């Protein structure tokens, strides 16, 4: 009986395309955070986070496991939202 062989991984020349390297690096740093971490980062309550997300005023959550009940947020999207609130405050102070 013959064993199935695994396909060899594709070799990638990282020097050939810096855009691909930047994309790969940025994708490695992506984190999904749970609602408790979102609450800590924003100072918002759980219900207010979902209210804002439903209105399109906050990043939407995603299913951590397809078909599962667990939800999470992309950390960089939450961080961007916080930074936008800070920028809005600075504009209002002018």
C-alpha atoms as a PDB file:
ATOM      1  CA  UNK A   1       0.000   0.000   0.000  1.00  0.00           C
ATOM      2  CA  UNK A   2       1.362   3.371  -0.954  1.00  0.00           C
ATOM      3  CA  UNK A   3       1.267   6.372   1.381  1.00  0.00           C
ATOM      4  CA  UNK A   4      -0.176   9.639   0.141  1.00  0.00           C
ATOM      5  CA  UNK A   5       2.425  12.347  -0.105  1.00  0.00           C
ATOM      6  CA  UNK A   6       1.881  15.859   1.075  1.00  0.00           C
ATOM      7  CA  UNK A   7       2.389  18.588  -1.507  1.00  0.00           C
ATOM      8  CA  UNK A   8       5.581  20.571  -1.036  1.00  0.00           C
ATOM      9  CA  UNK A   9       5.074  24.085   0.310  1.00  0.00           C
ATOM     10  CA  UNK A  10       5.563  26.813  -2.243  1.00  0.00           C
ATOM     11  CA  UNK A  11       8.804  28.715  -1.884  1.00  0.00           C
ATOM     12  CA  UNK A  12       8.407  32.437  -1.811  1.00  0.00           C
ATOM     13  CA  UNK A  13      11.099  34.947  -2.686  1.00  0.00           C
ATOM     14  CA  UNK A  14      10.550  37.681  -0.124  1.00  0.00           C
ATOM     15  CA  UNK A  15      12.945  40.011  -1.931  1.00  0.00           C
ATOM     16  CA  UNK A  16      10.870  39.914  -5.093  1.00  0.00           C
ATOM     17  CA  UNK A  17       7.738  41.671  -3.914  1.00  0.00           C
ATOM     18  CA  UNK A  18       7.866  44.062  -0.942  1.00  0.00           C
ATOM     19  CA  UNK A  19       4.087  44.590  -1.124  1.00  0.00           C
ATOM     20  CA  UNK A  20       3.497  40.902  -0.429  1.00  0.00           C
ATOM     21  CA  UNK A  21       5.879  41.076   2.518  1.00  0.00           C
ATOM     22  CA  UNK A  22       4.064  44.085   3.966  1.00  0.00           C
ATOM     23  CA  UNK A  23       0.731  42.295   3.565  1.00  0.00           C
ATOM     24  CA  UNK A  24       2.076  39.147   5.219  1.00  0.00           C
ATOM     25  CA  UNK A  25       3.529  41.134   8.130  1.00  0.00           C
ATOM     26  CA  UNK A  26       0.341  43.097   8.698  1.00  0.00           C
ATOM     27  CA  UNK A  27      -1.755  39.937   8.600  1.00  0.00           C
ATOM     28  CA  UNK A  28       0.424  38.242  11.225  1.00  0.00           C
ATOM     29  CA  UNK A  29      -0.308  41.025  13.697  1.00  0.00           C
ATOM     30  CA  UNK A  30      -4.078  40.771  13.390  1.00  0.00           C
ATOM     31  CA  UNK A  31      -5.803  39.816  16.641  1.00  0.00           C
ATOM     32  CA  UNK A  32      -9.411  39.048  17.385  1.00  0.00           C
ATOM     33  CA  UNK A  33     -10.452  40.320  20.799  1.00  0.00           C
ATOM     34  CA  UNK A  34     -13.508  39.473  22.855  1.00  0.00           C
ATOM     35  CA  UNK A  35     -16.126  41.892  24.174  1.00  0.00           C
ATOM     36  CA  UNK A  36     -14.454  42.261  27.599  1.00  0.00           C
ATOM     37  CA  UNK A  37     -11.285  43.535  25.913  1.00  0.00           C
ATOM     38  CA  UNK A  38     -13.353  45.873  23.713  1.00  0.00           C
ATOM     39  CA  UNK A  39     -15.035  47.221  26.839  1.00  0.00           C
ATOM     40  CA  UNK A  40     -11.630  47.840  28.456  1.00  0.00           C
ATOM     41  CA  UNK A  41     -10.247  49.578  25.361  1.00  0.00           C
ATOM     42  CA  UNK A  42     -13.275  51.828  24.836  1.00  0.00           C
ATOM     43  CA  UNK A  43     -14.790  52.341  28.275  1.00  0.00           C
ATOM     44  CA  UNK A  44     -18.183  51.431  26.795  1.00  0.00           C
ATOM     45  CA  UNK A  45     -20.673  48.948  28.203  1.00  0.00           C
ATOM     46  CA  UNK A  46     -21.391  45.716  26.384  1.00  0.00           C
ATOM     47  CA  UNK A  47     -24.889  46.830  25.406  1.00  0.00           C
ATOM     48  CA  UNK A  48     -23.646  50.196  24.107  1.00  0.00           C
ATOM     49  CA  UNK A  49     -20.989  48.499  21.959  1.00  0.00           C
ATOM     50  CA  UNK A  50     -23.665  46.352  20.300  1.00  0.00           C
ATOM     51  CA  UNK A  51     -26.006  49.349  19.952  1.00  0.00           C
ATOM     52  CA  UNK A  52     -23.337  51.426  18.186  1.00  0.00           C
ATOM     53  CA  UNK A  53     -22.339  48.470  15.975  1.00  0.00           C
ATOM     54  CA  UNK A  54     -25.968  47.930  14.937  1.00  0.00           C
ATOM     55  CA  UNK A  55     -26.183  51.606  13.955  1.00  0.00           C
ATOM     56  CA  UNK A  56     -22.960  51.324  11.942  1.00  0.00           C
ATOM     57  CA  UNK A  57     -21.126  53.652  14.336  1.00  0.00           C
ATOM     58  CA  UNK A  58     -18.707  51.033  15.678  1.00  0.00           C
ATOM     59  CA  UNK A  59     -16.815  48.167  14.010  1.00  0.00           C
ATOM     60  CA  UNK A  60     -18.957  45.084  13.610  1.00  0.00           C
ATOM     61  CA  UNK A  61     -18.089  41.838  15.316  1.00  0.00           C
ATOM     62  CA  UNK A  62     -17.357  38.591  13.531  1.00  0.00           C
ATOM     63  CA  UNK A  63     -18.027  34.966  14.324  1.00  0.00           C
ATOM     64  CA  UNK A  64     -14.869  33.474  15.805  1.00  0.00           C
ATOM     65  CA  UNK A  65     -15.951  30.030  14.638  1.00  0.00           C
ATOM     66  CA  UNK A  66     -18.296  29.729  11.641  1.00  0.00           C
ATOM     67  CA  UNK A  67     -21.758  28.901  12.939  1.00  0.00           C
ATOM     68  CA  UNK A  68     -20.680  29.466  16.539  1.00  0.00           C
ATOM     69  CA  UNK A  69     -22.058  31.907  19.057  1.00  0.00           C
ATOM     70  CA  UNK A  70     -18.694  33.397  20.076  1.00  0.00           C
ATOM     71  CA  UNK A  71     -18.085  36.845  18.637  1.00  0.00           C
ATOM     72  CA  UNK A  72     -14.969  38.959  18.454  1.00  0.00           C
ATOM     73  CA  UNK A  73     -13.640  42.198  17.004  1.00  0.00           C
ATOM     74  CA  UNK A  74     -10.537  42.888  14.957  1.00  0.00           C
ATOM     75  CA  UNK A  75      -8.345  44.715  17.452  1.00  0.00           C
ATOM     76  CA  UNK A  76      -6.928  47.176  14.913  1.00  0.00           C
ATOM     77  CA  UNK A  77     -10.465  48.227  13.903  1.00  0.00           C
ATOM     78  CA  UNK A  78     -11.341  48.940  17.528  1.00  0.00           C
ATOM     79  CA  UNK A  79      -8.061  50.843  17.965  1.00  0.00           C
ATOM     80  CA  UNK A  80      -8.831  52.884  14.818  1.00  0.00           C
ATOM     81  CA  UNK A  81     -12.279  53.705  16.209  1.00  0.00           C
ATOM     82  CA  UNK A  82     -10.724  54.921  19.484  1.00  0.00           C
ATOM     83  CA  UNK A  83      -8.233  57.058  17.548  1.00  0.00           C
ATOM     84  CA  UNK A  84     -11.068  58.532  15.464  1.00  0.00           C
ATOM     85  CA  UNK A  85     -12.858  59.536  18.677  1.00  0.00           C
ATOM     86  CA  UNK A  86      -9.685  61.253  19.872  1.00  0.00           C
ATOM     87  CA  UNK A  87      -9.323  63.035  16.531  1.00  0.00           C
ATOM     88  CA  UNK A  88     -12.972  64.156  16.703  1.00  0.00           C
ATOM     89  CA  UNK A  89     -12.392  65.574  20.167  1.00  0.00           C
ATOM     90  CA  UNK A  90      -9.375  67.519  18.938  1.00  0.00           C
ATOM     91  CA  UNK A  91     -11.438  68.957  16.075  1.00  0.00           C
ATOM     92  CA  UNK A  92     -14.221  69.961  18.477  1.00  0.00           C
ATOM     93  CA  UNK A  93     -11.728  71.765  20.730  1.00  0.00           C
ATOM     94  CA  UNK A  94     -10.599  74.071  17.890  1.00  0.00           C
END
